[in-house]
Amino acid sequence: MPYVQLISEERYVIYHLKLFKLSLREIARPLGSASHHHQP
């Protein structure tokens, strides 16, 4: 496996991990605020 290909794959994985964390944060924000409002 070429060295350049390895680097590009690592950047690809890191890029998607960042997207995943951002999407989780965007999803958890309205869920968290909703759960706070609906507590008994």
N, C-alpha and C. Protein backbone atom coordinates (compact mmCIF):
# COMPACT_ATOMS: atom_id res chain seq x y z
N MET A 1 0.85 -1.20 0.00
CA MET A 1 0.00 0.00 0.00
C MET A 1 0.89 1.25 0.00
N PRO A 2 0.65 2.13 -0.93
CA PRO A 2 1.47 3.35 -1.00
C PRO A 2 1.27 4.23 0.24
N TYR A 3 2.29 4.98 0.57
CA TYR A 3 2.25 5.83 1.75
C TYR A 3 1.18 6.92 1.59
N VAL A 4 1.12 7.48 0.38
CA VAL A 4 0.16 8.57 0.14
C VAL A 4 -1.27 8.08 0.30
N GLN A 5 -1.53 6.86 -0.13
CA GLN A 5 -2.88 6.31 -0.01
C GLN A 5 -3.27 6.15 1.46
N LEU A 6 -2.33 5.74 2.28
CA LEU A 6 -2.59 5.57 3.71
C LEU A 6 -2.97 6.91 4.33
N ILE A 7 -2.22 7.95 3.99
CA ILE A 7 -2.50 9.27 4.54
C ILE A 7 -3.89 9.74 4.12
N SER A 8 -4.24 9.54 2.86
CA SER A 8 -5.54 9.99 2.38
C SER A 8 -6.66 9.23 3.08
N GLU A 9 -6.45 7.94 3.35
CA GLU A 9 -7.47 7.16 4.04
C GLU A 9 -7.62 7.62 5.48
N GLU A 10 -6.51 7.96 6.14
CA GLU A 10 -6.60 8.44 7.52
C GLU A 10 -7.35 9.77 7.56
N ARG A 11 -7.05 10.65 6.60
CA ARG A 11 -7.75 11.94 6.56
C ARG A 11 -9.23 11.71 6.29
N TYR A 12 -9.54 10.72 5.46
CA TYR A 12 -10.93 10.40 5.13
C TYR A 12 -11.68 9.95 6.38
N VAL A 13 -11.03 9.09 7.18
CA VAL A 13 -11.67 8.58 8.40
C VAL A 13 -11.85 9.70 9.42
N ILE A 14 -10.82 10.51 9.61
CA ILE A 14 -10.90 11.61 10.57
C ILE A 14 -11.99 12.59 10.16
N TYR A 15 -12.08 12.85 8.84
CA TYR A 15 -13.09 13.79 8.35
C TYR A 15 -14.49 13.29 8.69
N HIS A 16 -14.74 12.01 8.49
CA HIS A 16 -16.07 11.46 8.76
C HIS A 16 -16.33 11.34 10.26
N LEU A 17 -15.29 11.11 11.04
CA LEU A 17 -15.47 11.08 12.49
C LEU A 17 -15.90 12.46 13.00
N LYS A 18 -15.30 13.52 12.44
CA LYS A 18 -15.68 14.87 12.84
C LYS A 18 -17.12 15.15 12.44
N LEU A 19 -17.50 14.73 11.22
CA LEU A 19 -18.88 14.92 10.78
C LEU A 19 -19.84 14.18 11.69
N PHE A 20 -19.44 12.97 12.10
CA PHE A 20 -20.29 12.14 12.95
C PHE A 20 -20.49 12.82 14.31
N LYS A 21 -19.43 13.36 14.88
CA LYS A 21 -19.53 14.02 16.18
C LYS A 21 -20.40 15.27 16.07
N LEU A 22 -20.23 16.03 14.98
CA LEU A 22 -21.03 17.24 14.80
C LEU A 22 -22.50 16.88 14.65
N SER A 23 -22.80 15.84 13.89
CA SER A 23 -24.19 15.44 13.69
C SER A 23 -24.79 14.94 15.00
N LEU A 24 -24.01 14.20 15.78
CA LEU A 24 -24.50 13.73 17.08
C LEU A 24 -24.81 14.91 17.99
N ARG A 25 -23.96 15.93 17.96
CA ARG A 25 -24.18 17.10 18.80
C ARG A 25 -25.45 17.84 18.37
N GLU A 26 -25.67 17.95 17.05
CA GLU A 26 -26.85 18.64 16.55
C GLU A 26 -28.12 17.86 16.89
N ILE A 27 -28.02 16.53 16.91
CA ILE A 27 -29.18 15.70 17.23
C ILE A 27 -29.45 15.72 18.73
N ALA A 28 -28.40 15.69 19.53
CA ALA A 28 -28.57 15.60 20.98
C ALA A 28 -29.05 16.91 21.58
N ARG A 29 -28.78 18.04 20.91
CA ARG A 29 -29.15 19.33 21.48
C ARG A 29 -30.67 19.47 21.62
N PRO A 30 -31.47 19.28 20.54
CA PRO A 30 -32.93 19.38 20.70
C PRO A 30 -33.50 18.26 21.57
N LEU A 31 -32.91 17.08 21.51
CA LEU A 31 -33.38 15.99 22.36
C LEU A 31 -33.15 16.32 23.83
N GLY A 32 -31.99 16.88 24.14
CA GLY A 32 -31.66 17.21 25.52
C GLY A 32 -32.57 18.31 26.05
N SER A 33 -32.82 19.34 25.24
CA SER A 33 -33.68 20.43 25.68
C SER A 33 -35.11 19.94 25.86
N ALA A 34 -35.55 19.04 24.98
CA ALA A 34 -36.91 18.50 25.08
C ALA A 34 -37.06 17.66 26.35
N SER A 35 -36.05 16.86 26.66
CA SER A 35 -36.14 16.00 27.84
C SER A 35 -36.15 16.85 29.11
N HIS A 36 -35.46 17.97 29.11
CA HIS A 36 -35.46 18.84 30.28
C HIS A 36 -36.85 19.45 30.48
N HIS A 37 -37.52 19.78 29.38
CA HIS A 37 -38.83 20.41 29.49
C HIS A 37 -39.90 19.42 29.94
N HIS A 38 -39.72 18.14 29.61
CA HIS A 38 -40.77 17.16 29.87
C HIS A 38 -40.51 16.34 31.12
N GLN A 39 -39.61 16.80 31.97
CA GLN A 39 -39.37 16.06 33.21
C GLN A 39 -40.54 16.27 34.17
N PRO A 40 -40.97 15.24 34.89
CA PRO A 40 -42.10 15.34 35.84
C PRO A 40 -41.71 16.17 37.06
